[in-house]
Amino acid sequence: MKIKYLVICGICLLTGCQATAPLMKNSITFVVGPSDFEHNFVFKNNWPLCRNFYDSDGNMPVKRKTKYLTTDNTCKVSPEGYVPEQIIIKYAPWLTYEEQIKKGYGVPEELRYAQGEEAAKKRLAIMAAKQEGVAKIPATEWKRIILTPPQEVEKYKYQVPEDKGNRSRGKDIHYLISLNPDGSYDIKTKLYWVSKYQEFWN
């Protein structure tokens, strides 16, 4: 037995054995948006179920009912610990806030927090008009990004985030997707602990 142990130690010294901690659960999150403050984008609502999406009663998670996402740009993939094979993000350039106001697609500042049934009806009408406006974007304007989370899981397999974290909840692989004015994009990934502070992250 002693000889066997010495042989194993010798092999490790020659080949470089690594002691690895038990593999942890992985969660996937992403944020996607313009690379500057002068441009805007919209997204087709083919995103996975997101834990940071709420319904009108505050229940979560829910799938957005609109065909296009015009204000959402973040997603915590639900359920926590689920790693989809692919995430496809379809996006197109959109109007600035000022341009939306001129076309009747944006909620004016004075109406945004106005109370009453009439104000609520006006906001709903504007939101419906915005959806119709997005639907008129030519098919050639839409581009797509394909994320492959299993590849990132493999990349970070033996890495742990900085600082202390709750190992029972595992790691959060977070995509940062920056959309450029010419339609191209840049993607970075970061590794975080899944923490209670991220539970309602949006």
N, C-alpha and C. Protein backbone atom coordinates (compact mmCIF):
# COMPACT_ATOMS: atom_id res chain seq x y z
N MET A 1 0.83 -1.21 0.00
CA MET A 1 0.00 0.00 0.00
C MET A 1 0.86 1.25 0.00
N LYS A 2 1.95 1.19 0.80
CA LYS A 2 2.86 2.33 0.88
C LYS A 2 3.53 2.58 -0.45
N ILE A 3 3.91 1.49 -1.14
CA ILE A 3 4.56 1.61 -2.44
C ILE A 3 3.59 2.24 -3.45
N LYS A 4 2.32 1.79 -3.40
CA LYS A 4 1.31 2.32 -4.31
C LYS A 4 1.12 3.82 -4.10
N TYR A 5 1.11 4.24 -2.85
CA TYR A 5 0.95 5.66 -2.52
C TYR A 5 2.11 6.47 -3.05
N LEU A 6 3.34 5.92 -2.89
CA LEU A 6 4.53 6.62 -3.37
C LEU A 6 4.53 6.75 -4.89
N VAL A 7 4.04 5.70 -5.57
CA VAL A 7 3.96 5.74 -7.03
C VAL A 7 3.00 6.84 -7.49
N ILE A 8 1.83 6.92 -6.82
CA ILE A 8 0.84 7.95 -7.16
C ILE A 8 1.41 9.34 -6.93
N CYS A 9 2.10 9.53 -5.80
CA CYS A 9 2.72 10.82 -5.50
C CYS A 9 3.74 11.19 -6.56
N GLY A 10 4.51 10.18 -7.01
CA GLY A 10 5.52 10.42 -8.03
C GLY A 10 4.90 10.84 -9.35
N ILE A 11 3.80 10.19 -9.72
CA ILE A 11 3.11 10.56 -10.96
C ILE A 11 2.57 11.98 -10.89
N CYS A 12 2.03 12.34 -9.72
CA CYS A 12 1.50 13.69 -9.54
C CYS A 12 2.60 14.74 -9.65
N LEU A 13 3.76 14.43 -9.13
CA LEU A 13 4.87 15.36 -9.21
C LEU A 13 5.32 15.55 -10.65
N LEU A 14 5.27 14.47 -11.44
CA LEU A 14 5.72 14.54 -12.82
C LEU A 14 4.68 15.17 -13.75
N THR A 15 3.40 14.87 -13.51
CA THR A 15 2.36 15.32 -14.44
C THR A 15 1.57 16.51 -13.94
N GLY A 16 1.65 16.79 -12.63
CA GLY A 16 0.94 17.94 -12.08
C GLY A 16 -0.52 17.66 -11.79
N CYS A 17 -0.81 16.87 -10.78
CA CYS A 17 -2.19 16.59 -10.40
C CYS A 17 -2.78 17.80 -9.68
N GLN A 18 -4.08 18.02 -9.88
CA GLN A 18 -4.76 19.13 -9.22
C GLN A 18 -5.89 18.60 -8.35
N ALA A 19 -5.95 19.12 -7.15
CA ALA A 19 -7.06 18.77 -6.26
C ALA A 19 -8.21 19.73 -6.56
N THR A 20 -9.36 19.18 -6.87
CA THR A 20 -10.49 20.03 -7.23
C THR A 20 -11.61 19.88 -6.22
N ALA A 21 -12.26 21.00 -5.95
CA ALA A 21 -13.39 20.99 -5.03
C ALA A 21 -14.61 20.41 -5.74
N PRO A 22 -15.60 19.92 -5.00
CA PRO A 22 -16.82 19.42 -5.62
C PRO A 22 -17.44 20.49 -6.52
N LEU A 23 -17.94 20.06 -7.67
CA LEU A 23 -18.53 21.00 -8.61
C LEU A 23 -19.80 21.61 -8.05
N MET A 24 -19.99 22.90 -8.31
CA MET A 24 -21.15 23.61 -7.77
C MET A 24 -22.21 23.85 -8.85
N LYS A 25 -23.39 24.18 -8.40
CA LYS A 25 -24.49 24.52 -9.29
C LYS A 25 -24.17 25.82 -10.02
N ASN A 26 -24.60 25.92 -11.27
CA ASN A 26 -24.40 27.13 -12.07
C ASN A 26 -25.73 27.77 -12.42
N SER A 27 -25.80 29.09 -12.31
CA SER A 27 -26.95 29.85 -12.76
C SER A 27 -26.51 30.80 -13.87
N ILE A 28 -27.43 31.14 -14.75
CA ILE A 28 -27.11 31.98 -15.91
C ILE A 28 -27.88 33.29 -15.84
N THR A 29 -27.18 34.40 -16.02
CA THR A 29 -27.82 35.71 -16.11
C THR A 29 -27.19 36.47 -17.27
N PHE A 30 -27.93 37.43 -17.82
CA PHE A 30 -27.33 38.27 -18.86
C PHE A 30 -27.95 39.65 -18.86
N VAL A 31 -27.17 40.61 -19.33
CA VAL A 31 -27.66 41.97 -19.55
C VAL A 31 -27.20 42.37 -20.95
N VAL A 32 -28.10 42.96 -21.73
CA VAL A 32 -27.78 43.33 -23.10
C VAL A 32 -28.28 44.75 -23.34
N GLY A 33 -27.45 45.57 -23.96
CA GLY A 33 -27.84 46.96 -24.19
C GLY A 33 -26.85 47.69 -25.06
N PRO A 34 -27.15 48.95 -25.40
CA PRO A 34 -26.27 49.73 -26.28
C PRO A 34 -24.93 50.06 -25.62
N SER A 35 -23.93 50.23 -26.46
CA SER A 35 -22.59 50.55 -25.97
C SER A 35 -22.44 52.03 -25.64
N ASP A 36 -23.45 52.84 -25.98
CA ASP A 36 -23.41 54.27 -25.66
C ASP A 36 -24.81 54.72 -25.24
N PHE A 37 -24.95 56.01 -24.94
CA PHE A 37 -26.23 56.54 -24.48
C PHE A 37 -27.05 57.17 -25.60
N GLU A 38 -26.54 57.10 -26.83
CA GLU A 38 -27.21 57.77 -27.94
C GLU A 38 -28.08 56.83 -28.77
N HIS A 39 -27.95 55.52 -28.54
CA HIS A 39 -28.68 54.56 -29.36
C HIS A 39 -29.57 53.68 -28.49
N ASN A 40 -30.52 53.05 -29.15
CA ASN A 40 -31.48 52.21 -28.44
C ASN A 40 -31.76 50.97 -29.27
N PHE A 41 -32.17 49.90 -28.60
CA PHE A 41 -32.47 48.64 -29.28
C PHE A 41 -33.73 48.02 -28.70
N VAL A 42 -34.38 47.19 -29.52
CA VAL A 42 -35.53 46.41 -29.05
C VAL A 42 -35.22 44.93 -29.29
N PHE A 43 -35.97 44.07 -28.59
CA PHE A 43 -35.70 42.64 -28.64
C PHE A 43 -36.98 41.86 -28.91
N LYS A 44 -36.87 40.78 -29.67
CA LYS A 44 -38.01 39.88 -29.83
C LYS A 44 -38.15 39.07 -28.54
N ASN A 45 -39.38 38.85 -28.14
CA ASN A 45 -39.63 38.17 -26.87
C ASN A 45 -39.54 36.65 -27.02
N ASN A 46 -38.34 36.18 -27.34
CA ASN A 46 -38.09 34.74 -27.38
C ASN A 46 -37.13 34.34 -26.26
N TRP A 47 -37.01 35.22 -25.27
CA TRP A 47 -36.09 34.95 -24.15
C TRP A 47 -36.61 33.79 -23.31
N PRO A 48 -35.70 33.15 -22.57
CA PRO A 48 -36.16 32.12 -21.63
C PRO A 48 -36.93 32.77 -20.48
N LEU A 49 -37.54 31.96 -19.65
CA LEU A 49 -38.22 32.47 -18.47
C LEU A 49 -37.19 33.15 -17.57
N CYS A 50 -37.51 34.37 -17.12
CA CYS A 50 -36.56 35.16 -16.33
C CYS A 50 -37.07 35.35 -14.91
N ARG A 51 -36.23 35.10 -13.92
CA ARG A 51 -36.64 35.21 -12.53
C ARG A 51 -36.83 36.66 -12.09
N ASN A 52 -36.34 37.60 -12.87
CA ASN A 52 -36.50 39.01 -12.51
C ASN A 52 -37.67 39.66 -13.25
N PHE A 53 -38.50 38.87 -13.92
CA PHE A 53 -39.71 39.37 -14.55
C PHE A 53 -40.89 39.10 -13.63
N TYR A 54 -41.68 40.12 -13.36
CA TYR A 54 -42.84 40.00 -12.49
C TYR A 54 -44.12 40.25 -13.29
N ASP A 55 -45.24 39.70 -12.80
CA ASP A 55 -46.51 40.07 -13.40
C ASP A 55 -47.08 41.29 -12.67
N SER A 56 -48.26 41.73 -13.07
CA SER A 56 -48.83 42.95 -12.50
C SER A 56 -49.14 42.84 -11.02
N ASP A 57 -49.25 41.60 -10.52
CA ASP A 57 -49.53 41.39 -9.10
C ASP A 57 -48.27 41.13 -8.28
N GLY A 58 -47.12 41.24 -8.94
CA GLY A 58 -45.86 41.02 -8.23
C GLY A 58 -45.44 39.57 -8.13
N ASN A 59 -46.16 38.68 -8.84
CA ASN A 59 -45.78 37.27 -8.82
C ASN A 59 -44.60 37.04 -9.77
N MET A 60 -43.75 36.11 -9.43
CA MET A 60 -42.61 35.81 -10.28
C MET A 60 -42.33 34.32 -10.25
N PRO A 61 -41.67 33.76 -11.26
CA PRO A 61 -41.33 34.46 -12.50
C PRO A 61 -42.49 34.36 -13.50
N VAL A 62 -42.51 35.26 -14.45
CA VAL A 62 -43.53 35.23 -15.50
C VAL A 62 -42.86 35.45 -16.85
N LYS A 63 -43.54 35.05 -17.90
CA LYS A 63 -43.08 35.32 -19.25
C LYS A 63 -43.76 36.59 -19.73
N ARG A 64 -43.00 37.54 -20.21
CA ARG A 64 -43.59 38.76 -20.72
C ARG A 64 -44.60 38.42 -21.83
N LYS A 65 -45.75 39.08 -21.83
CA LYS A 65 -46.81 38.76 -22.77
C LYS A 65 -46.67 39.50 -24.09
N THR A 66 -45.89 40.55 -24.13
CA THR A 66 -45.74 41.32 -25.36
C THR A 66 -44.86 40.58 -26.36
N LYS A 67 -45.05 40.88 -27.63
CA LYS A 67 -44.27 40.23 -28.69
C LYS A 67 -42.83 40.75 -28.71
N TYR A 68 -42.68 42.01 -28.28
CA TYR A 68 -41.35 42.63 -28.29
C TYR A 68 -41.03 43.19 -26.91
N LEU A 69 -39.75 43.13 -26.54
CA LEU A 69 -39.29 43.71 -25.28
C LEU A 69 -38.68 45.06 -25.59
N THR A 70 -39.27 46.12 -25.06
CA THR A 70 -38.81 47.47 -25.38
C THR A 70 -38.17 48.18 -24.20
N THR A 71 -38.34 47.65 -23.01
CA THR A 71 -37.71 48.27 -21.83
C THR A 71 -36.84 47.28 -21.06
N ASP A 72 -37.13 45.98 -21.18
CA ASP A 72 -36.33 44.97 -20.47
C ASP A 72 -35.01 44.74 -21.18
N ASN A 73 -33.94 44.62 -20.41
CA ASN A 73 -32.65 44.28 -21.02
C ASN A 73 -31.83 43.36 -20.14
N THR A 74 -32.46 42.78 -19.11
CA THR A 74 -31.75 41.87 -18.23
C THR A 74 -32.57 40.60 -18.02
N CYS A 75 -31.88 39.51 -17.72
CA CYS A 75 -32.59 38.25 -17.47
C CYS A 75 -31.79 37.38 -16.51
N LYS A 76 -32.47 36.89 -15.48
CA LYS A 76 -31.94 35.85 -14.61
C LYS A 76 -32.69 34.58 -14.99
N VAL A 77 -32.02 33.70 -15.72
CA VAL A 77 -32.69 32.52 -16.26
C VAL A 77 -33.30 31.69 -15.13
N SER A 78 -34.56 31.31 -15.32
CA SER A 78 -35.31 30.55 -14.32
C SER A 78 -35.51 29.11 -14.80
N PRO A 79 -35.47 28.14 -13.86
CA PRO A 79 -35.23 28.30 -12.42
C PRO A 79 -33.74 28.46 -12.12
N GLU A 80 -33.44 28.92 -10.93
CA GLU A 80 -32.05 29.07 -10.52
C GLU A 80 -31.35 27.73 -10.64
N GLY A 81 -30.18 27.72 -11.27
CA GLY A 81 -29.44 26.48 -11.46
C GLY A 81 -29.71 25.80 -12.79
N TYR A 82 -30.63 26.35 -13.60
CA TYR A 82 -30.93 25.78 -14.92
C TYR A 82 -29.99 26.38 -15.96
N VAL A 83 -29.36 25.52 -16.76
CA VAL A 83 -28.44 25.97 -17.80
C VAL A 83 -28.99 25.55 -19.17
N PRO A 84 -29.61 26.46 -19.92
CA PRO A 84 -30.14 26.10 -21.24
C PRO A 84 -29.02 25.82 -22.23
N GLU A 85 -29.31 24.99 -23.21
CA GLU A 85 -28.31 24.67 -24.24
C GLU A 85 -27.95 25.90 -25.06
N GLN A 86 -28.95 26.73 -25.35
CA GLN A 86 -28.75 27.95 -26.13
C GLN A 86 -29.67 29.05 -25.64
N ILE A 87 -29.22 30.28 -25.80
CA ILE A 87 -30.09 31.44 -25.61
C ILE A 87 -29.93 32.29 -26.87
N ILE A 88 -31.02 32.52 -27.58
CA ILE A 88 -30.98 33.31 -28.81
C ILE A 88 -31.61 34.67 -28.54
N ILE A 89 -30.84 35.71 -28.74
CA ILE A 89 -31.31 37.08 -28.53
C ILE A 89 -31.43 37.76 -29.89
N LYS A 90 -32.66 38.11 -30.28
CA LYS A 90 -32.89 38.80 -31.55
C LYS A 90 -33.13 40.28 -31.26
N TYR A 91 -32.39 41.14 -31.94
CA TYR A 91 -32.46 42.57 -31.64
C TYR A 91 -32.42 43.42 -32.90
N ALA A 92 -32.90 44.64 -32.77
CA ALA A 92 -32.91 45.59 -33.89
C ALA A 92 -32.74 47.00 -33.34
N PRO A 93 -32.18 47.91 -34.13
CA PRO A 93 -32.06 49.31 -33.68
C PRO A 93 -33.43 49.92 -33.50
N TRP A 94 -33.54 50.83 -32.54
CA TRP A 94 -34.83 51.44 -32.22
C TRP A 94 -34.63 52.93 -32.01
N LEU A 95 -35.73 53.62 -31.79
CA LEU A 95 -35.73 55.07 -31.66
C LEU A 95 -35.21 55.52 -30.29
N THR A 96 -34.65 56.71 -30.25
CA THR A 96 -34.28 57.29 -28.97
C THR A 96 -35.56 57.68 -28.22
N TYR A 97 -35.43 58.00 -26.95
CA TYR A 97 -36.61 58.37 -26.16
C TYR A 97 -37.31 59.58 -26.77
N GLU A 98 -36.54 60.57 -27.20
CA GLU A 98 -37.13 61.77 -27.79
C GLU A 98 -37.88 61.44 -29.08
N GLU A 99 -37.31 60.55 -29.89
CA GLU A 99 -37.97 60.15 -31.14
C GLU A 99 -39.25 59.37 -30.87
N GLN A 100 -39.21 58.55 -29.81
CA GLN A 100 -40.42 57.79 -29.44
C GLN A 100 -41.54 58.73 -29.01
N ILE A 101 -41.19 59.76 -28.26
CA ILE A 101 -42.20 60.73 -27.81
C ILE A 101 -42.87 61.39 -29.02
N LYS A 102 -42.06 61.79 -30.00
CA LYS A 102 -42.59 62.47 -31.19
C LYS A 102 -43.55 61.58 -31.98
N LYS A 103 -43.26 60.27 -32.02
CA LYS A 103 -44.09 59.34 -32.79
C LYS A 103 -45.25 58.76 -31.98
N GLY A 104 -45.30 59.11 -30.69
CA GLY A 104 -46.37 58.58 -29.86
C GLY A 104 -46.09 57.20 -29.32
N TYR A 105 -44.79 56.80 -29.32
CA TYR A 105 -44.41 55.48 -28.82
C TYR A 105 -43.83 55.55 -27.40
N GLY A 106 -43.64 56.75 -26.89
CA GLY A 106 -43.03 56.90 -25.57
C GLY A 106 -43.97 57.60 -24.60
N VAL A 107 -43.88 57.23 -23.33
CA VAL A 107 -44.73 57.85 -22.30
C VAL A 107 -44.07 59.14 -21.83
N PRO A 108 -44.73 60.29 -22.01
CA PRO A 108 -44.15 61.57 -21.56
C PRO A 108 -43.94 61.58 -20.05
N GLU A 109 -43.02 62.40 -19.61
CA GLU A 109 -42.66 62.46 -18.19
C GLU A 109 -43.88 62.78 -17.32
N GLU A 110 -44.72 63.71 -17.77
CA GLU A 110 -45.87 64.12 -16.95
C GLU A 110 -46.93 63.03 -16.84
N LEU A 111 -46.90 62.06 -17.78
CA LEU A 111 -47.88 60.97 -17.76
C LEU A 111 -47.36 59.73 -17.05
N ARG A 112 -46.05 59.66 -16.92
CA ARG A 112 -45.42 58.44 -16.40
C ARG A 112 -45.93 58.07 -15.00
N TYR A 113 -46.05 59.05 -14.13
CA TYR A 113 -46.47 58.78 -12.75
C TYR A 113 -47.84 59.36 -12.43
N ALA A 114 -48.57 59.74 -13.47
CA ALA A 114 -49.91 60.30 -13.25
C ALA A 114 -50.86 59.24 -12.71
N GLN A 115 -51.73 59.63 -11.81
CA GLN A 115 -52.68 58.71 -11.20
C GLN A 115 -54.02 58.75 -11.94
N GLY A 116 -54.83 57.72 -11.71
CA GLY A 116 -56.17 57.71 -12.27
C GLY A 116 -56.34 56.77 -13.44
N GLU A 117 -57.58 56.41 -13.68
CA GLU A 117 -57.92 55.46 -14.75
C GLU A 117 -57.60 56.01 -16.13
N GLU A 118 -57.85 57.29 -16.33
CA GLU A 118 -57.60 57.90 -17.64
C GLU A 118 -56.12 57.87 -17.99
N ALA A 119 -55.28 58.18 -17.02
CA ALA A 119 -53.82 58.15 -17.24
C ALA A 119 -53.36 56.73 -17.56
N ALA A 120 -53.92 55.75 -16.85
CA ALA A 120 -53.56 54.35 -17.08
C ALA A 120 -53.94 53.92 -18.49
N LYS A 121 -55.10 54.35 -18.96
CA LYS A 121 -55.54 54.02 -20.32
C LYS A 121 -54.61 54.63 -21.36
N LYS A 122 -54.18 55.86 -21.13
CA LYS A 122 -53.26 56.52 -22.07
C LYS A 122 -51.93 55.78 -22.14
N ARG A 123 -51.43 55.34 -20.98
CA ARG A 123 -50.15 54.61 -20.97
C ARG A 123 -50.28 53.29 -21.73
N LEU A 124 -51.39 52.58 -21.52
CA LEU A 124 -51.61 51.32 -22.23
C LEU A 124 -51.70 51.54 -23.74
N ALA A 125 -52.35 52.63 -24.15
CA ALA A 125 -52.49 52.94 -25.57
C ALA A 125 -51.12 53.23 -26.19
N ILE A 126 -50.28 53.94 -25.46
CA ILE A 126 -48.93 54.25 -25.95
C ILE A 126 -48.10 52.97 -26.06
N MET A 127 -48.21 52.09 -25.07
CA MET A 127 -47.48 50.82 -25.11
C MET A 127 -47.92 49.97 -26.30
N ALA A 128 -49.23 49.97 -26.58
CA ALA A 128 -49.74 49.22 -27.73
C ALA A 128 -49.22 49.81 -29.04
N ALA A 129 -49.19 51.14 -29.12
CA ALA A 129 -48.67 51.81 -30.31
C ALA A 129 -47.19 51.49 -30.52
N LYS A 130 -46.45 51.42 -29.41
CA LYS A 130 -45.02 51.10 -29.50
C LYS A 130 -44.82 49.69 -30.07
N GLN A 131 -45.63 48.73 -29.60
CA GLN A 131 -45.53 47.36 -30.11
C GLN A 131 -45.81 47.33 -31.61
N GLU A 132 -46.80 48.10 -32.05
CA GLU A 132 -47.13 48.17 -33.48
C GLU A 132 -45.99 48.81 -34.27
N GLY A 133 -45.36 49.81 -33.66
CA GLY A 133 -44.23 50.46 -34.31
C GLY A 133 -43.05 49.53 -34.49
N VAL A 134 -42.76 48.74 -33.47
CA VAL A 134 -41.65 47.79 -33.55
C VAL A 134 -41.94 46.74 -34.62
N ALA A 135 -43.20 46.34 -34.74
CA ALA A 135 -43.58 45.31 -35.72
C ALA A 135 -43.31 45.76 -37.16
N LYS A 136 -43.16 47.07 -37.37
CA LYS A 136 -42.91 47.60 -38.71
C LYS A 136 -41.42 47.62 -39.08
N ILE A 137 -40.57 47.25 -38.13
CA ILE A 137 -39.13 47.20 -38.44
C ILE A 137 -38.90 46.14 -39.50
N PRO A 138 -38.20 46.45 -40.60
CA PRO A 138 -37.95 45.47 -41.66
C PRO A 138 -37.21 44.24 -41.14
N ALA A 139 -37.53 43.09 -41.71
CA ALA A 139 -36.91 41.83 -41.28
C ALA A 139 -35.39 41.88 -41.41
N THR A 140 -34.90 42.64 -42.40
CA THR A 140 -33.46 42.71 -42.63
C THR A 140 -32.72 43.45 -41.51
N GLU A 141 -33.46 44.22 -40.70
CA GLU A 141 -32.84 44.99 -39.62
C GLU A 141 -32.56 44.13 -38.38
N TRP A 142 -33.24 43.00 -38.29
CA TRP A 142 -33.09 42.17 -37.09
C TRP A 142 -31.82 41.33 -37.17
N LYS A 143 -31.09 41.33 -36.09
CA LYS A 143 -29.87 40.52 -35.97
C LYS A 143 -30.03 39.60 -34.76
N ARG A 144 -29.12 38.65 -34.62
CA ARG A 144 -29.25 37.75 -33.49
C ARG A 144 -27.90 37.38 -32.88
N ILE A 145 -27.97 37.09 -31.61
CA ILE A 145 -26.82 36.63 -30.84
C ILE A 145 -27.17 35.26 -30.28
N ILE A 146 -26.26 34.32 -30.39
CA ILE A 146 -26.49 32.99 -29.83
C ILE A 146 -25.51 32.75 -28.69
N LEU A 147 -26.04 32.58 -27.50
CA LEU A 147 -25.22 32.25 -26.33
C LEU A 147 -25.28 30.74 -26.10
N THR A 148 -24.16 30.16 -25.73
CA THR A 148 -24.10 28.72 -25.45
C THR A 148 -23.60 28.52 -24.01
N PRO A 149 -24.50 28.64 -23.04
CA PRO A 149 -24.11 28.54 -21.62
C PRO A 149 -23.30 27.30 -21.24
N PRO A 150 -23.58 26.10 -21.81
CA PRO A 150 -22.76 24.94 -21.41
C PRO A 150 -21.26 25.14 -21.65
N GLN A 151 -20.92 25.91 -22.69
CA GLN A 151 -19.50 26.19 -22.95
C GLN A 151 -18.90 27.04 -21.83
N GLU A 152 -19.68 28.00 -21.34
CA GLU A 152 -19.19 28.84 -20.24
C GLU A 152 -19.11 28.04 -18.94
N VAL A 153 -20.05 27.13 -18.75
CA VAL A 153 -20.00 26.26 -17.56
C VAL A 153 -18.71 25.45 -17.57
N GLU A 154 -18.35 24.93 -18.73
CA GLU A 154 -17.11 24.17 -18.85
C GLU A 154 -15.90 25.07 -18.61
N LYS A 155 -15.96 26.29 -19.14
CA LYS A 155 -14.85 27.24 -18.98
C LYS A 155 -14.59 27.56 -17.51
N TYR A 156 -15.68 27.74 -16.74
CA TYR A 156 -15.55 28.12 -15.33
C TYR A 156 -15.68 26.93 -14.38
N LYS A 157 -15.56 25.75 -14.92
CA LYS A 157 -15.83 24.52 -14.16
C LYS A 157 -15.08 24.46 -12.84
N TYR A 158 -13.81 24.78 -12.85
CA TYR A 158 -12.99 24.66 -11.64
C TYR A 158 -12.63 26.02 -11.04
N GLN A 159 -13.33 27.07 -11.49
CA GLN A 159 -13.07 28.40 -10.94
C GLN A 159 -14.16 28.77 -9.94
N VAL A 160 -13.78 29.57 -8.97
CA VAL A 160 -14.76 30.08 -8.01
C VAL A 160 -14.70 31.61 -8.03
N PRO A 161 -15.82 32.29 -7.76
CA PRO A 161 -15.82 33.75 -7.75
C PRO A 161 -14.95 34.30 -6.63
N GLU A 162 -14.61 35.57 -6.74
CA GLU A 162 -13.85 36.23 -5.69
C GLU A 162 -14.74 36.45 -4.47
N ASP A 163 -14.11 36.72 -3.36
CA ASP A 163 -14.81 36.97 -2.09
C ASP A 163 -15.51 35.70 -1.60
N LYS A 164 -16.27 35.86 -0.54
CA LYS A 164 -16.98 34.73 0.04
C LYS A 164 -18.38 34.64 -0.54
N GLY A 165 -18.89 33.42 -0.61
CA GLY A 165 -20.23 33.24 -1.14
C GLY A 165 -20.90 32.00 -0.59
N ASN A 166 -22.15 31.85 -0.91
CA ASN A 166 -22.94 30.70 -0.47
C ASN A 166 -22.78 29.57 -1.48
N ARG A 167 -21.94 28.61 -1.17
CA ARG A 167 -21.66 27.51 -2.10
C ARG A 167 -22.90 26.67 -2.40
N SER A 168 -23.84 26.64 -1.46
CA SER A 168 -25.04 25.83 -1.67
C SER A 168 -25.89 26.38 -2.82
N ARG A 169 -25.80 27.70 -3.06
CA ARG A 169 -26.55 28.31 -4.17
C ARG A 169 -25.72 28.35 -5.45
N GLY A 170 -24.41 28.15 -5.32
CA GLY A 170 -23.58 28.02 -6.49
C GLY A 170 -23.11 29.32 -7.12
N LYS A 171 -22.71 29.20 -8.40
CA LYS A 171 -22.09 30.30 -9.13
C LYS A 171 -23.06 30.90 -10.14
N ASP A 172 -22.87 32.18 -10.40
CA ASP A 172 -23.65 32.88 -11.41
C ASP A 172 -22.73 33.25 -12.55
N ILE A 173 -22.96 32.67 -13.72
CA ILE A 173 -22.22 33.04 -14.93
C ILE A 173 -23.00 34.16 -15.60
N HIS A 174 -22.41 35.34 -15.63
CA HIS A 174 -23.12 36.55 -16.07
C HIS A 174 -22.55 37.05 -17.40
N TYR A 175 -23.41 37.14 -18.41
CA TYR A 175 -23.03 37.68 -19.72
C TYR A 175 -23.27 39.19 -19.74
N LEU A 176 -22.27 39.94 -20.20
CA LEU A 176 -22.41 41.37 -20.44
C LEU A 176 -22.31 41.58 -21.95
N ILE A 177 -23.44 41.92 -22.58
CA ILE A 177 -23.51 42.03 -24.04
C ILE A 177 -23.69 43.49 -24.42
N SER A 178 -22.72 44.02 -25.14
CA SER A 178 -22.73 45.42 -25.54
C SER A 178 -23.03 45.52 -27.04
N LEU A 179 -24.13 46.20 -27.38
CA LEU A 179 -24.54 46.35 -28.78
C LEU A 179 -23.99 47.65 -29.35
N ASN A 180 -23.30 47.55 -30.47
CA ASN A 180 -22.69 48.72 -31.10
C ASN A 180 -23.63 49.33 -32.15
N PRO A 181 -23.46 50.63 -32.45
CA PRO A 181 -24.34 51.31 -33.42
C PRO A 181 -24.40 50.64 -34.79
N ASP A 182 -23.30 49.98 -35.21
CA ASP A 182 -23.28 49.34 -36.53
C ASP A 182 -23.93 47.96 -36.53
N GLY A 183 -24.48 47.54 -35.38
CA GLY A 183 -25.15 46.24 -35.31
C GLY A 183 -24.27 45.12 -34.79
N SER A 184 -22.98 45.37 -34.69
CA SER A 184 -22.09 44.35 -34.12
C SER A 184 -22.23 44.34 -32.60
N TYR A 185 -21.58 43.42 -31.95
CA TYR A 185 -21.70 43.32 -30.50
C TYR A 185 -20.42 42.77 -29.88
N ASP A 186 -20.27 43.02 -28.60
CA ASP A 186 -19.16 42.48 -27.81
C ASP A 186 -19.74 41.76 -26.61
N ILE A 187 -19.14 40.63 -26.27
CA ILE A 187 -19.62 39.84 -25.14
C ILE A 187 -18.48 39.58 -24.16
N LYS A 188 -18.76 39.83 -22.90
CA LYS A 188 -17.85 39.47 -21.82
C LYS A 188 -18.62 38.61 -20.83
N THR A 189 -17.93 37.76 -20.12
CA THR A 189 -18.58 36.99 -19.06
C THR A 189 -17.85 37.22 -17.74
N LYS A 190 -18.62 37.24 -16.68
CA LYS A 190 -18.06 37.39 -15.34
C LYS A 190 -18.64 36.31 -14.43
N LEU A 191 -17.90 36.00 -13.40
CA LEU A 191 -18.32 34.96 -12.47
C LEU A 191 -18.62 35.57 -11.11
N TYR A 192 -19.82 35.33 -10.63
CA TYR A 192 -20.24 35.84 -9.32
C TYR A 192 -20.79 34.69 -8.48
N TRP A 193 -20.91 34.96 -7.20
CA TRP A 193 -21.69 34.06 -6.35
C TRP A 193 -23.16 34.41 -6.51
N VAL A 194 -24.02 33.39 -6.52
CA VAL A 194 -25.45 33.66 -6.44
C VAL A 194 -25.75 34.01 -5.00
N SER A 195 -26.26 35.20 -4.76
CA SER A 195 -26.46 35.66 -3.39
C SER A 195 -27.86 36.19 -3.21
N LYS A 196 -28.25 36.38 -1.96
CA LYS A 196 -29.59 36.91 -1.67
C LYS A 196 -29.76 38.31 -2.23
N TYR A 197 -28.65 39.03 -2.41
CA TYR A 197 -28.75 40.39 -2.94
C TYR A 197 -29.08 40.37 -4.43
N GLN A 198 -28.83 39.24 -5.09
CA GLN A 198 -29.15 39.12 -6.51
C GLN A 198 -30.55 38.54 -6.72
N GLU A 199 -31.21 38.18 -5.63
CA GLU A 199 -32.51 37.53 -5.76
C GLU A 199 -33.50 38.39 -6.52
N PHE A 200 -33.43 39.72 -6.31
CA PHE A 200 -34.34 40.62 -6.99
C PHE A 200 -33.58 41.55 -7.93
N TRP A 201 -32.44 41.11 -8.39
CA TRP A 201 -31.60 41.90 -9.30
C TRP A 201 -32.31 42.06 -10.64
N ASN A 202 -32.22 43.25 -11.20
CA ASN A 202 -32.88 43.49 -12.49
C ASN A 202 -32.02 44.40 -13.35
